[in-house]
Amino acid sequence: MKHILVSLVVFVFVDLAVSMKEKNEKAPQVQVYSRLPGNFGVQNTLICHTSGFHPPEISIKLQKNGNEMKSNQTDLAFEENWHYHLTKHALFTPEKGETYSCVVSHTTGIKTYYWEPDM
């Protein structure tokens, strides 16, 4: 009987911990844009801004045609509600037919967001 009671307590504790973790997770809001209007053949800066996410563990990759681009990243920062934001950027010269994207990996999932030129 004692073994059953201990198993039940452990089950309830684990279930509660998982429920609390799920409640605290919030997917990032993602914006992919360029510093200047997106014109082909003109150097620009590709920006991927993530915000409002929790927990803070996140990975951002800027890609050209599926290949990771050399980029820089801001420091992770948090807002009053303990949700976080992070931005990654890279110099690029958009060319017609090329695909530019931002791949965001977070505990809530992995998603790809695409930059759209202003043409």
PDB file of N, CA and C in Angstrom:
ATOM      1  N   MET A   1       0.828  -1.189   0.000  1.00  0.00           N
ATOM      2  CA  MET A   1       0.000   0.000   0.000  1.00  0.00           C
ATOM      3  C   MET A   1       0.879   1.263   0.000  1.00  0.00           C
ATOM      4  N   LYS A   2       1.938   1.235   0.826  1.00  0.00           N
ATOM      5  CA  LYS A   2       2.835   2.384   0.900  1.00  0.00           C
ATOM      6  C   LYS A   2       3.485   2.644  -0.461  1.00  0.00           C
ATOM      7  N   HIS A   3       3.860   1.575  -1.178  1.00  0.00           N
ATOM      8  CA  HIS A   3       4.478   1.692  -2.498  1.00  0.00           C
ATOM      9  C   HIS A   3       3.515   2.361  -3.486  1.00  0.00           C
ATOM     10  N   ILE A   4       2.257   2.002  -3.428  1.00  0.00           N
ATOM     11  CA  ILE A   4       1.249   2.590  -4.315  1.00  0.00           C
ATOM     12  C   ILE A   4       1.083   4.073  -4.006  1.00  0.00           C
ATOM     13  N   LEU A   5       1.050   4.422  -2.730  1.00  0.00           N
ATOM     14  CA  LEU A   5       0.889   5.816  -2.331  1.00  0.00           C
ATOM     15  C   LEU A   5       2.087   6.653  -2.791  1.00  0.00           C
ATOM     16  N   VAL A   6       3.289   6.136  -2.635  1.00  0.00           N
ATOM     17  CA  VAL A   6       4.492   6.846  -3.077  1.00  0.00           C
ATOM     18  C   VAL A   6       4.458   7.029  -4.596  1.00  0.00           C
ATOM     19  N   SER A   7       4.068   6.002  -5.326  1.00  0.00           N
ATOM     20  CA  SER A   7       3.972   6.093  -6.786  1.00  0.00           C
ATOM     21  C   SER A   7       2.953   7.141  -7.205  1.00  0.00           C
ATOM     22  N   LEU A   8       1.833   7.202  -6.505  1.00  0.00           N
ATOM     23  CA  LEU A   8       0.795   8.179  -6.807  1.00  0.00           C
ATOM     24  C   LEU A   8       1.295   9.601  -6.560  1.00  0.00           C
ATOM     25  N   VAL A   9       1.993   9.814  -5.448  1.00  0.00           N
ATOM     26  CA  VAL A   9       2.533  11.136  -5.128  1.00  0.00           C
ATOM     27  C   VAL A   9       3.552  11.560  -6.190  1.00  0.00           C
ATOM     28  N   VAL A  10       4.426  10.656  -6.595  1.00  0.00           N
ATOM     29  CA  VAL A  10       5.421  10.957  -7.621  1.00  0.00           C
ATOM     30  C   VAL A  10       4.724  11.296  -8.937  1.00  0.00           C
ATOM     31  N   PHE A  11       3.710  10.533  -9.308  1.00  0.00           N
ATOM     32  CA  PHE A  11       2.971  10.784 -10.546  1.00  0.00           C
ATOM     33  C   PHE A  11       2.327  12.168 -10.531  1.00  0.00           C
ATOM     34  N   VAL A  12       1.679  12.522  -9.424  1.00  0.00           N
ATOM     35  CA  VAL A  12       1.023  13.828  -9.304  1.00  0.00           C
ATOM     36  C   VAL A  12       2.065  14.945  -9.385  1.00  0.00           C
ATOM     37  N   PHE A  13       3.201  14.783  -8.722  1.00  0.00           N
ATOM     38  CA  PHE A  13       4.255  15.794  -8.743  1.00  0.00           C
ATOM     39  C   PHE A  13       4.796  16.001 -10.156  1.00  0.00           C
ATOM     40  N   VAL A  14       5.073  14.921 -10.861  1.00  0.00           N
ATOM     41  CA  VAL A  14       5.593  15.008 -12.227  1.00  0.00           C
ATOM     42  C   VAL A  14       4.552  15.643 -13.143  1.00  0.00           C
ATOM     43  N   ASP A  15       3.292  15.246 -13.005  1.00  0.00           N
ATOM     44  CA  ASP A  15       2.222  15.813 -13.819  1.00  0.00           C
ATOM     45  C   ASP A  15       2.093  17.314 -13.566  1.00  0.00           C
ATOM     46  N   LEU A  16       2.188  17.726 -12.319  1.00  0.00           N
ATOM     47  CA  LEU A  16       2.107  19.138 -11.960  1.00  0.00           C
ATOM     48  C   LEU A  16       3.292  19.909 -12.540  1.00  0.00           C
ATOM     49  N   ALA A  17       4.482  19.351 -12.460  1.00  0.00           N
ATOM     50  CA  ALA A  17       5.676  20.009 -12.994  1.00  0.00           C
ATOM     51  C   ALA A  17       5.569  20.189 -14.508  1.00  0.00           C
ATOM     52  N   VAL A  18       5.084  19.175 -15.208  1.00  0.00           N
ATOM     53  CA  VAL A  18       4.916  19.267 -16.661  1.00  0.00           C
ATOM     54  C   VAL A  18       3.866  20.315 -17.001  1.00  0.00           C
ATOM     55  N   SER A  19       2.769  20.343 -16.263  1.00  0.00           N
ATOM     56  CA  SER A  19       1.715  21.333 -16.508  1.00  0.00           C
ATOM     57  C   SER A  19       2.231  22.746 -16.291  1.00  0.00           C
ATOM     58  N   MET A  20       3.022  22.950 -15.239  1.00  0.00           N
ATOM     59  CA  MET A  20       3.569  24.274 -14.966  1.00  0.00           C
ATOM     60  C   MET A  20       4.519  24.697 -16.081  1.00  0.00           C
ATOM     61  N   LYS A  21       5.331  23.768 -16.568  1.00  0.00           N
ATOM     62  CA  LYS A  21       6.262  24.080 -17.647  1.00  0.00           C
ATOM     63  C   LYS A  21       5.500  24.493 -18.894  1.00  0.00           C
ATOM     64  N   GLU A  22       4.444  23.749 -19.228  1.00  0.00           N
ATOM     65  CA  GLU A  22       3.658  24.068 -20.413  1.00  0.00           C
ATOM     66  C   GLU A  22       3.007  25.440 -20.285  1.00  0.00           C
ATOM     67  N   LYS A  23       2.550  25.802 -19.100  1.00  0.00           N
ATOM     68  CA  LYS A  23       1.892  27.086 -18.900  1.00  0.00           C
ATOM     69  C   LYS A  23       2.878  28.241 -19.030  1.00  0.00           C
ATOM     70  N   ASN A  24       4.125  28.034 -18.670  1.00  0.00           N
ATOM     71  CA  ASN A  24       5.121  29.100 -18.715  1.00  0.00           C
ATOM     72  C   ASN A  24       5.733  29.290 -20.095  1.00  0.00           C
ATOM     73  N   GLU A  25       5.547  28.333 -20.996  1.00  0.00           N
ATOM     74  CA  GLU A  25       6.130  28.455 -22.325  1.00  0.00           C
ATOM     75  C   GLU A  25       5.302  29.412 -23.177  1.00  0.00           C
ATOM     76  N   LYS A  26       5.996  30.280 -23.882  1.00  0.00           N
ATOM     77  CA  LYS A  26       5.338  31.196 -24.812  1.00  0.00           C
ATOM     78  C   LYS A  26       6.194  31.282 -26.063  1.00  0.00           C
ATOM     79  N   ALA A  27       5.580  31.013 -27.196  1.00  0.00           N
ATOM     80  CA  ALA A  27       6.296  31.033 -28.475  1.00  0.00           C
ATOM     81  C   ALA A  27       6.727  32.453 -28.837  1.00  0.00           C
ATOM     82  N   PRO A  28       7.864  32.581 -29.520  1.00  0.00           N
ATOM     83  CA  PRO A  28       8.317  33.918 -29.914  1.00  0.00           C
ATOM     84  C   PRO A  28       7.465  34.503 -31.036  1.00  0.00           C
ATOM     85  N   GLN A  29       7.314  35.808 -30.993  1.00  0.00           N
ATOM     86  CA  GLN A  29       6.768  36.538 -32.134  1.00  0.00           C
ATOM     87  C   GLN A  29       7.983  36.889 -32.979  1.00  0.00           C
ATOM     88  N   VAL A  30       7.887  36.690 -34.283  1.00  0.00           N
ATOM     89  CA  VAL A  30       9.056  36.847 -35.154  1.00  0.00           C
ATOM     90  C   VAL A  30       8.753  37.829 -36.287  1.00  0.00           C
ATOM     91  N   GLN A  31       9.694  38.722 -36.510  1.00  0.00           N
ATOM     92  CA  GLN A  31       9.617  39.672 -37.622  1.00  0.00           C
ATOM     93  C   GLN A  31      10.905  39.563 -38.425  1.00  0.00           C
ATOM     94  N   VAL A  32      10.771  39.388 -39.740  1.00  0.00           N
ATOM     95  CA  VAL A  32      11.927  39.354 -40.638  1.00  0.00           C
ATOM     96  C   VAL A  32      11.775  40.532 -41.598  1.00  0.00           C
ATOM     97  N   TYR A  33      12.783  41.391 -41.619  1.00  0.00           N
ATOM     98  CA  TYR A  33      12.697  42.589 -42.451  1.00  0.00           C
ATOM     99  C   TYR A  33      14.104  43.068 -42.784  1.00  0.00           C
ATOM    100  N   SER A  34      14.173  44.049 -43.669  1.00  0.00           N
ATOM    101  CA  SER A  34      15.467  44.631 -44.013  1.00  0.00           C
ATOM    102  C   SER A  34      15.512  46.074 -43.533  1.00  0.00           C
ATOM    103  N   ARG A  35      16.710  46.539 -43.268  1.00  0.00           N
ATOM    104  CA  ARG A  35      16.903  47.898 -42.741  1.00  0.00           C
ATOM    105  C   ARG A  35      16.400  48.944 -43.731  1.00  0.00           C
ATOM    106  N   LEU A  36      16.706  48.722 -44.998  1.00  0.00           N
ATOM    107  CA  LEU A  36      16.283  49.619 -46.075  1.00  0.00           C
ATOM    108  C   LEU A  36      15.258  48.895 -46.942  1.00  0.00           C
ATOM    109  N   PRO A  37      14.530  49.616 -47.797  1.00  0.00           N
ATOM    110  CA  PRO A  37      13.630  48.917 -48.724  1.00  0.00           C
ATOM    111  C   PRO A  37      14.405  47.854 -49.501  1.00  0.00           C
ATOM    112  N   GLY A  38      13.789  46.707 -49.706  1.00  0.00           N
ATOM    113  CA  GLY A  38      14.462  45.577 -50.344  1.00  0.00           C
ATOM    114  C   GLY A  38      14.555  45.712 -51.846  1.00  0.00           C
ATOM    115  N   ASN A  39      15.664  46.224 -52.340  1.00  0.00           N
ATOM    116  CA  ASN A  39      15.916  46.365 -53.775  1.00  0.00           C
ATOM    117  C   ASN A  39      17.025  45.412 -54.188  1.00  0.00           C
ATOM    118  N   PHE A  40      16.808  44.690 -55.292  1.00  0.00           N
ATOM    119  CA  PHE A  40      17.807  43.753 -55.778  1.00  0.00           C
ATOM    120  C   PHE A  40      19.091  44.487 -56.158  1.00  0.00           C
ATOM    121  N   GLY A  41      20.229  43.876 -55.803  1.00  0.00           N
ATOM    122  CA  GLY A  41      21.527  44.418 -56.164  1.00  0.00           C
ATOM    123  C   GLY A  41      22.028  45.548 -55.285  1.00  0.00           C
ATOM    124  N   VAL A  42      21.284  45.895 -54.239  1.00  0.00           N
ATOM    125  CA  VAL A  42      21.684  46.983 -53.342  1.00  0.00           C
ATOM    126  C   VAL A  42      21.957  46.407 -51.953  1.00  0.00           C
ATOM    127  N   GLN A  43      23.171  46.657 -51.422  1.00  0.00           N
ATOM    128  CA  GLN A  43      23.520  46.111 -50.107  1.00  0.00           C
ATOM    129  C   GLN A  43      22.542  46.609 -49.042  1.00  0.00           C
ATOM    130  N   ASN A  44      22.228  45.724 -48.109  1.00  0.00           N
ATOM    131  CA  ASN A  44      21.216  45.992 -47.101  1.00  0.00           C
ATOM    132  C   ASN A  44      21.574  45.191 -45.846  1.00  0.00           C
ATOM    133  N   THR A  45      20.728  45.268 -44.839  1.00  0.00           N
ATOM    134  CA  THR A  45      20.886  44.469 -43.626  1.00  0.00           C
ATOM    135  C   THR A  45      19.619  43.656 -43.418  1.00  0.00           C
ATOM    136  N   LEU A  46      19.772  42.345 -43.321  1.00  0.00           N
ATOM    137  CA  LEU A  46      18.658  41.443 -43.039  1.00  0.00           C
ATOM    138  C   LEU A  46      18.532  41.320 -41.529  1.00  0.00           C
ATOM    139  N   ILE A  47      17.320  41.485 -41.011  1.00  0.00           N
ATOM    140  CA  ILE A  47      17.088  41.490 -39.567  1.00  0.00           C
ATOM    141  C   ILE A  47      16.013  40.475 -39.210  1.00  0.00           C
ATOM    142  N   CYS A  48      16.268  39.707 -38.158  1.00  0.00           N
ATOM    143  CA  CYS A  48      15.274  38.789 -37.606  1.00  0.00           C
ATOM    144  C   CYS A  48      15.121  39.134 -36.128  1.00  0.00           C
ATOM    145  N   HIS A  49      13.954  39.646 -35.776  1.00  0.00           N
ATOM    146  CA  HIS A  49      13.689  40.076 -34.397  1.00  0.00           C
ATOM    147  C   HIS A  49      12.683  39.124 -33.762  1.00  0.00           C
ATOM    148  N   THR A  50      13.057  38.552 -32.621  1.00  0.00           N
ATOM    149  CA  THR A  50      12.158  37.672 -31.873  1.00  0.00           C
ATOM    150  C   THR A  50      11.813  38.355 -30.557  1.00  0.00           C
ATOM    151  N   SER A  51      10.568  38.216 -30.123  1.00  0.00           N
ATOM    152  CA  SER A  51      10.156  38.871 -28.879  1.00  0.00           C
ATOM    153  C   SER A  51       9.034  38.098 -28.202  1.00  0.00           C
ATOM    154  N   GLY A  52       8.851  38.400 -26.915  1.00  0.00           N
ATOM    155  CA  GLY A  52       7.734  37.860 -26.152  1.00  0.00           C
ATOM    156  C   GLY A  52       7.805  36.382 -25.844  1.00  0.00           C
ATOM    157  N   PHE A  53       8.992  35.793 -25.838  1.00  0.00           N
ATOM    158  CA  PHE A  53       9.082  34.342 -25.631  1.00  0.00           C
ATOM    159  C   PHE A  53       9.584  33.988 -24.236  1.00  0.00           C
ATOM    160  N   HIS A  54       9.256  32.775 -23.837  1.00  0.00           N
ATOM    161  CA  HIS A  54       9.704  32.202 -22.562  1.00  0.00           C
ATOM    162  C   HIS A  54       9.622  30.696 -22.700  1.00  0.00           C
ATOM    163  N   PRO A  55      10.575  29.937 -22.260  1.00  0.00           N
ATOM    164  CA  PRO A  55      11.806  30.296 -21.567  1.00  0.00           C
ATOM    165  C   PRO A  55      12.809  30.959 -22.525  1.00  0.00           C
ATOM    166  N   PRO A  56      13.932  31.443 -21.973  1.00  0.00           N
ATOM    167  CA  PRO A  56      14.869  32.222 -22.779  1.00  0.00           C
ATOM    168  C   PRO A  56      15.717  31.427 -23.775  1.00  0.00           C
ATOM    169  N   GLU A  57      15.730  30.115 -23.695  1.00  0.00           N
ATOM    170  CA  GLU A  57      16.562  29.328 -24.613  1.00  0.00           C
ATOM    171  C   GLU A  57      15.983  29.431 -26.022  1.00  0.00           C
ATOM    172  N   ILE A  58      16.784  29.961 -26.947  1.00  0.00           N
ATOM    173  CA  ILE A  58      16.340  30.160 -28.328  1.00  0.00           C
ATOM    174  C   ILE A  58      17.558  30.157 -29.248  1.00  0.00           C
ATOM    175  N   SER A  59      17.341  29.743 -30.488  1.00  0.00           N
ATOM    176  CA  SER A  59      18.391  29.773 -31.506  1.00  0.00           C
ATOM    177  C   SER A  59      17.808  30.435 -32.751  1.00  0.00           C
ATOM    178  N   ILE A  60      18.550  31.377 -33.313  1.00  0.00           N
ATOM    179  CA  ILE A  60      18.123  32.082 -34.518  1.00  0.00           C
ATOM    180  C   ILE A  60      19.206  31.905 -35.577  1.00  0.00           C
ATOM    181  N   LYS A  61      18.803  31.485 -36.782  1.00  0.00           N
ATOM    182  CA  LYS A  61      19.749  31.346 -37.892  1.00  0.00           C
ATOM    183  C   LYS A  61      19.212  32.112 -39.090  1.00  0.00           C
ATOM    184  N   LEU A  62      20.035  32.983 -39.639  1.00  0.00           N
ATOM    185  CA  LEU A  62      19.700  33.655 -40.890  1.00  0.00           C
ATOM    186  C   LEU A  62      20.269  32.813 -42.022  1.00  0.00           C
ATOM    187  N   GLN A  63      19.451  32.592 -43.053  1.00  0.00           N
ATOM    188  CA  GLN A  63      19.877  31.722 -44.144  1.00  0.00           C
ATOM    189  C   GLN A  63      19.633  32.354 -45.512  1.00  0.00           C
ATOM    190  N   LYS A  64      20.541  32.016 -46.432  1.00  0.00           N
ATOM    191  CA  LYS A  64      20.372  32.352 -47.846  1.00  0.00           C
ATOM    192  C   LYS A  64      20.303  31.031 -48.587  1.00  0.00           C
ATOM    193  N   ASN A  65      19.184  30.775 -49.232  1.00  0.00           N
ATOM    194  CA  ASN A  65      18.964  29.515 -49.962  1.00  0.00           C
ATOM    195  C   ASN A  65      19.233  28.294 -49.083  1.00  0.00           C
ATOM    196  N   GLY A  66      18.879  28.378 -47.800  1.00  0.00           N
ATOM    197  CA  GLY A  66      19.033  27.251 -46.882  1.00  0.00           C
ATOM    198  C   GLY A  66      20.403  27.123 -46.246  1.00  0.00           C
ATOM    199  N   ASN A  67      21.343  27.992 -46.611  1.00  0.00           N
ATOM    200  CA  ASN A  67      22.686  27.967 -46.024  1.00  0.00           C
ATOM    201  C   ASN A  67      22.823  29.103 -45.020  1.00  0.00           C
ATOM    202  N   GLU A  68      23.402  28.791 -43.863  1.00  0.00           N
ATOM    203  CA  GLU A  68      23.526  29.798 -42.812  1.00  0.00           C
ATOM    204  C   GLU A  68      24.438  30.946 -43.244  1.00  0.00           C
ATOM    205  N   MET A  69      23.985  32.153 -42.937  1.00  0.00           N
ATOM    206  CA  MET A  69      24.736  33.368 -43.262  1.00  0.00           C
ATOM    207  C   MET A  69      25.566  33.800 -42.057  1.00  0.00           C
ATOM    208  N   LYS A  70      26.695  34.453 -42.316  1.00  0.00           N
ATOM    209  CA  LYS A  70      27.484  35.047 -41.238  1.00  0.00           C
ATOM    210  C   LYS A  70      26.652  36.196 -40.671  1.00  0.00           C
ATOM    211  N   SER A  71      26.477  36.209 -39.346  1.00  0.00           N
ATOM    212  CA  SER A  71      25.587  37.211 -38.750  1.00  0.00           C
ATOM    213  C   SER A  71      26.058  37.620 -37.364  1.00  0.00           C
ATOM    214  N   ASN A  72      25.447  38.665 -36.858  1.00  0.00           N
ATOM    215  CA  ASN A  72      25.700  39.160 -35.504  1.00  0.00           C
ATOM    216  C   ASN A  72      24.397  39.109 -34.719  1.00  0.00           C
ATOM    217  N   GLN A  73      24.536  39.026 -33.402  1.00  0.00           N
ATOM    218  CA  GLN A  73      23.368  38.881 -32.540  1.00  0.00           C
ATOM    219  C   GLN A  73      23.459  39.852 -31.371  1.00  0.00           C
ATOM    220  N   THR A  74      22.310  40.410 -30.984  1.00  0.00           N
ATOM    221  CA  THR A  74      22.269  41.265 -29.801  1.00  0.00           C
ATOM    222  C   THR A  74      22.331  40.391 -28.554  1.00  0.00           C
ATOM    223  N   ASP A  75      22.496  41.011 -27.404  1.00  0.00           N
ATOM    224  CA  ASP A  75      22.410  40.283 -26.145  1.00  0.00           C
ATOM    225  C   ASP A  75      20.948  39.968 -25.852  1.00  0.00           C
ATOM    226  N   LEU A  76      20.716  38.833 -25.232  1.00  0.00           N
ATOM    227  CA  LEU A  76      19.368  38.455 -24.812  1.00  0.00           C
ATOM    228  C   LEU A  76      18.904  39.444 -23.753  1.00  0.00           C
ATOM    229  N   ALA A  77      17.695  39.954 -23.894  1.00  0.00           N
ATOM    230  CA  ALA A  77      17.152  40.917 -22.932  1.00  0.00           C
ATOM    231  C   ALA A  77      15.744  40.485 -22.535  1.00  0.00           C
ATOM    232  N   PHE A  78      15.319  40.926 -21.354  1.00  0.00           N
ATOM    233  CA  PHE A  78      13.974  40.557 -20.919  1.00  0.00           C
ATOM    234  C   PHE A  78      13.138  41.796 -20.651  1.00  0.00           C
ATOM    235  N   GLU A  79      11.826  41.583 -20.707  1.00  0.00           N
ATOM    236  CA  GLU A  79      10.858  42.644 -20.484  1.00  0.00           C
ATOM    237  C   GLU A  79      10.301  42.515 -19.068  1.00  0.00           C
ATOM    238  N   GLU A  80       9.455  43.442 -18.656  1.00  0.00           N
ATOM    239  CA  GLU A  80       8.897  43.439 -17.298  1.00  0.00           C
ATOM    240  C   GLU A  80       8.187  42.134 -16.944  1.00  0.00           C
ATOM    241  N   ASN A  81       7.550  41.503 -17.918  1.00  0.00           N
ATOM    242  CA  ASN A  81       6.783  40.279 -17.669  1.00  0.00           C
ATOM    243  C   ASN A  81       7.634  39.009 -17.774  1.00  0.00           C
ATOM    244  N   TRP A  82       8.940  39.158 -17.800  1.00  0.00           N
ATOM    245  CA  TRP A  82       9.905  38.055 -17.901  1.00  0.00           C
ATOM    246  C   TRP A  82       9.818  37.323 -19.233  1.00  0.00           C
ATOM    247  N   HIS A  83       9.294  37.978 -20.254  1.00  0.00           N
ATOM    248  CA  HIS A  83       9.394  37.447 -21.599  1.00  0.00           C
ATOM    249  C   HIS A  83      10.628  38.092 -22.219  1.00  0.00           C
ATOM    250  N   TYR A  84      11.244  37.390 -23.141  1.00  0.00           N
ATOM    251  CA  TYR A  84      12.547  37.795 -23.661  1.00  0.00           C
ATOM    252  C   TYR A  84      12.470  38.291 -25.098  1.00  0.00           C
ATOM    253  N   HIS A  85      13.532  38.992 -25.543  1.00  0.00           N
ATOM    254  CA  HIS A  85      13.669  39.359 -26.951  1.00  0.00           C
ATOM    255  C   HIS A  85      15.139  39.282 -27.365  1.00  0.00           C
ATOM    256  N   LEU A  86      15.322  38.995 -28.650  1.00  0.00           N
ATOM    257  CA  LEU A  86      16.656  38.801 -29.208  1.00  0.00           C
ATOM    258  C   LEU A  86      16.595  39.115 -30.706  1.00  0.00           C
ATOM    259  N   THR A  87      17.631  39.753 -31.218  1.00  0.00           N
ATOM    260  CA  THR A  87      17.675  40.124 -32.635  1.00  0.00           C
ATOM    261  C   THR A  87      18.978  39.642 -33.264  1.00  0.00           C
ATOM    262  N   LYS A  88      18.869  39.148 -34.485  1.00  0.00           N
ATOM    263  CA  LYS A  88      20.048  38.732 -35.249  1.00  0.00           C
ATOM    264  C   LYS A  88      20.016  39.481 -36.583  1.00  0.00           C
ATOM    265  N   HIS A  89      21.203  39.891 -37.073  1.00  0.00           N
ATOM    266  CA  HIS A  89      21.243  40.638 -38.333  1.00  0.00           C
ATOM    267  C   HIS A  89      22.483  40.271 -39.135  1.00  0.00           C
ATOM    268  N   ALA A  90      22.380  40.478 -40.459  1.00  0.00           N
ATOM    269  CA  ALA A  90      23.489  40.163 -41.359  1.00  0.00           C
ATOM    270  C   ALA A  90      23.455  41.106 -42.553  1.00  0.00           C
ATOM    271  N   LEU A  91      24.638  41.496 -43.016  1.00  0.00           N
ATOM    272  CA  LEU A  91      24.722  42.249 -44.265  1.00  0.00           C
ATOM    273  C   LEU A  91      24.399  41.305 -45.413  1.00  0.00           C
ATOM    274  N   PHE A  92      23.653  41.805 -46.401  1.00  0.00           N
ATOM    275  CA  PHE A  92      23.353  40.999 -47.579  1.00  0.00           C
ATOM    276  C   PHE A  92      23.021  41.914 -48.749  1.00  0.00           C
ATOM    277  N   THR A  93      23.194  41.373 -49.941  1.00  0.00           N
ATOM    278  CA  THR A  93      22.793  42.067 -51.159  1.00  0.00           C
ATOM    279  C   THR A  93      21.765  41.173 -51.838  1.00  0.00           C
ATOM    280  N   PRO A  94      20.490  41.526 -51.718  1.00  0.00           N
ATOM    281  CA  PRO A  94      19.451  40.658 -52.280  1.00  0.00           C
ATOM    282  C   PRO A  94      19.569  40.515 -53.801  1.00  0.00           C
ATOM    283  N   GLU A  95      19.417  39.305 -54.260  1.00  0.00           N
ATOM    284  CA  GLU A  95      19.449  39.007 -55.691  1.00  0.00           C
ATOM    285  C   GLU A  95      18.155  38.294 -56.067  1.00  0.00           C
ATOM    286  N   LYS A  96      17.663  38.590 -57.257  1.00  0.00           N
ATOM    287  CA  LYS A  96      16.432  37.963 -57.743  1.00  0.00           C
ATOM    288  C   LYS A  96      16.608  36.442 -57.787  1.00  0.00           C
ATOM    289  N   GLY A  97      15.611  35.718 -57.302  1.00  0.00           N
ATOM    290  CA  GLY A  97      15.656  34.256 -57.301  1.00  0.00           C
ATOM    291  C   GLY A  97      16.271  33.652 -56.050  1.00  0.00           C
ATOM    292  N   GLU A  98      16.878  34.471 -55.202  1.00  0.00           N
ATOM    293  CA  GLU A  98      17.472  33.987 -53.948  1.00  0.00           C
ATOM    294  C   GLU A  98      16.409  34.011 -52.846  1.00  0.00           C
ATOM    295  N   THR A  99      16.518  33.087 -51.897  1.00  0.00           N
ATOM    296  CA  THR A  99      15.584  33.015 -50.776  1.00  0.00           C
ATOM    297  C   THR A  99      16.327  33.340 -49.491  1.00  0.00           C
ATOM    298  N   TYR A 100      15.788  34.271 -48.723  1.00  0.00           N
ATOM    299  CA  TYR A 100      16.385  34.668 -47.445  1.00  0.00           C
ATOM    300  C   TYR A 100      15.388  34.341 -46.343  1.00  0.00           C
ATOM    301  N   SER A 101      15.881  33.694 -45.284  1.00  0.00           N
ATOM    302  CA  SER A 101      14.971  33.256 -44.231  1.00  0.00           C
ATOM    303  C   SER A 101      15.609  33.335 -42.854  1.00  0.00           C
ATOM    304  N   CYS A 102      14.757  33.184 -41.865  1.00  0.00           N
ATOM    305  CA  CYS A 102      15.160  33.162 -40.463  1.00  0.00           C
ATOM    306  C   CYS A 102      14.565  31.903 -39.849  1.00  0.00           C
ATOM    307  N   VAL A 103      15.421  31.035 -39.332  1.00  0.00           N
ATOM    308  CA  VAL A 103      14.964  29.801 -38.696  1.00  0.00           C
ATOM    309  C   VAL A 103      15.072  29.991 -37.187  1.00  0.00           C
ATOM    310  N   VAL A 104      13.940  29.869 -36.505  1.00  0.00           N
ATOM    311  CA  VAL A 104      13.879  30.083 -35.062  1.00  0.00           C
ATOM    312  C   VAL A 104      13.581  28.754 -34.380  1.00  0.00           C
ATOM    313  N   SER A 105      14.486  28.343 -33.479  1.00  0.00           N
ATOM    314  CA  SER A 105      14.307  27.118 -32.693  1.00  0.00           C
ATOM    315  C   SER A 105      14.074  27.506 -31.244  1.00  0.00           C
ATOM    316  N   HIS A 106      12.942  27.072 -30.704  1.00  0.00           N
ATOM    317  CA  HIS A 106      12.557  27.385 -29.326  1.00  0.00           C
ATOM    318  C   HIS A 106      11.890  26.143 -28.757  1.00  0.00           C
ATOM    319  N   THR A 107      11.713  26.085 -27.449  1.00  0.00           N
ATOM    320  CA  THR A 107      11.075  24.912 -26.842  1.00  0.00           C
ATOM    321  C   THR A 107       9.660  24.703 -27.370  1.00  0.00           C
ATOM    322  N   THR A 108       9.056  25.748 -27.934  1.00  0.00           N
ATOM    323  CA  THR A 108       7.704  25.641 -28.479  1.00  0.00           C
ATOM    324  C   THR A 108       7.696  25.146 -29.923  1.00  0.00           C
ATOM    325  N   GLY A 109       8.873  24.984 -30.533  1.00  0.00           N
ATOM    326  CA  GLY A 109       8.944  24.457 -31.891  1.00  0.00           C
ATOM    327  C   GLY A 109      10.008  25.140 -32.733  1.00  0.00           C
ATOM    328  N   ILE A 110      10.165  24.628 -33.954  1.00  0.00           N
ATOM    329  CA  ILE A 110      11.103  25.189 -34.927  1.00  0.00           C
ATOM    330  C   ILE A 110      10.281  25.697 -36.107  1.00  0.00           C
ATOM    331  N   LYS A 111      10.483  26.969 -36.451  1.00  0.00           N
ATOM    332  CA  LYS A 111       9.732  27.557 -37.565  1.00  0.00           C
ATOM    333  C   LYS A 111      10.667  28.379 -38.445  1.00  0.00           C
ATOM    334  N   THR A 112      10.328  28.430 -39.722  1.00  0.00           N
ATOM    335  CA  THR A 112      11.084  29.221 -40.685  1.00  0.00           C
ATOM    336  C   THR A 112      10.220  30.384 -41.162  1.00  0.00           C
ATOM    337  N   TYR A 113      10.812  31.569 -41.166  1.00  0.00           N
ATOM    338  CA  TYR A 113      10.134  32.788 -41.597  1.00  0.00           C
ATOM    339  C   TYR A 113      10.928  33.363 -42.764  1.00  0.00           C
ATOM    340  N   TYR A 114      10.228  33.883 -43.777  1.00  0.00           N
ATOM    341  CA  TYR A 114      10.884  34.342 -45.001  1.00  0.00           C
ATOM    342  C   TYR A 114      10.833  35.855 -45.152  1.00  0.00           C
ATOM    343  N   TRP A 115      11.943  36.399 -45.671  1.00  0.00           N
ATOM    344  CA  TRP A 115      12.006  37.820 -45.995  1.00  0.00           C
ATOM    345  C   TRP A 115      11.380  38.022 -47.362  1.00  0.00           C
ATOM    346  N   GLU A 116      10.572  39.065 -47.480  1.00  0.00           N
ATOM    347  CA  GLU A 116       9.933  39.406 -48.751  1.00  0.00           C
ATOM    348  C   GLU A 116      10.505  40.734 -49.247  1.00  0.00           C
ATOM    349  N   PRO A 117      11.063  40.748 -50.464  1.00  0.00           N
ATOM    350  CA  PRO A 117      11.574  42.014 -50.998  1.00  0.00           C
ATOM    351  C   PRO A 117      10.419  42.977 -51.281  1.00  0.00           C
ATOM    352  N   ASP A 118      10.747  44.244 -51.430  1.00  0.00           N
ATOM    353  CA  ASP A 118       9.726  45.265 -51.677  1.00  0.00           C
ATOM    354  C   ASP A 118       9.367  45.395 -53.157  1.00  0.00           C
ATOM    355  N   MET A 119       9.730  44.420 -53.970  1.00  0.00           N
ATOM    356  CA  MET A 119       9.432  44.508 -55.405  1.00  0.00           C
ATOM    357  C   MET A 119       8.009  44.068 -55.661  1.00  0.00           C
TER     358      MET A 119
END
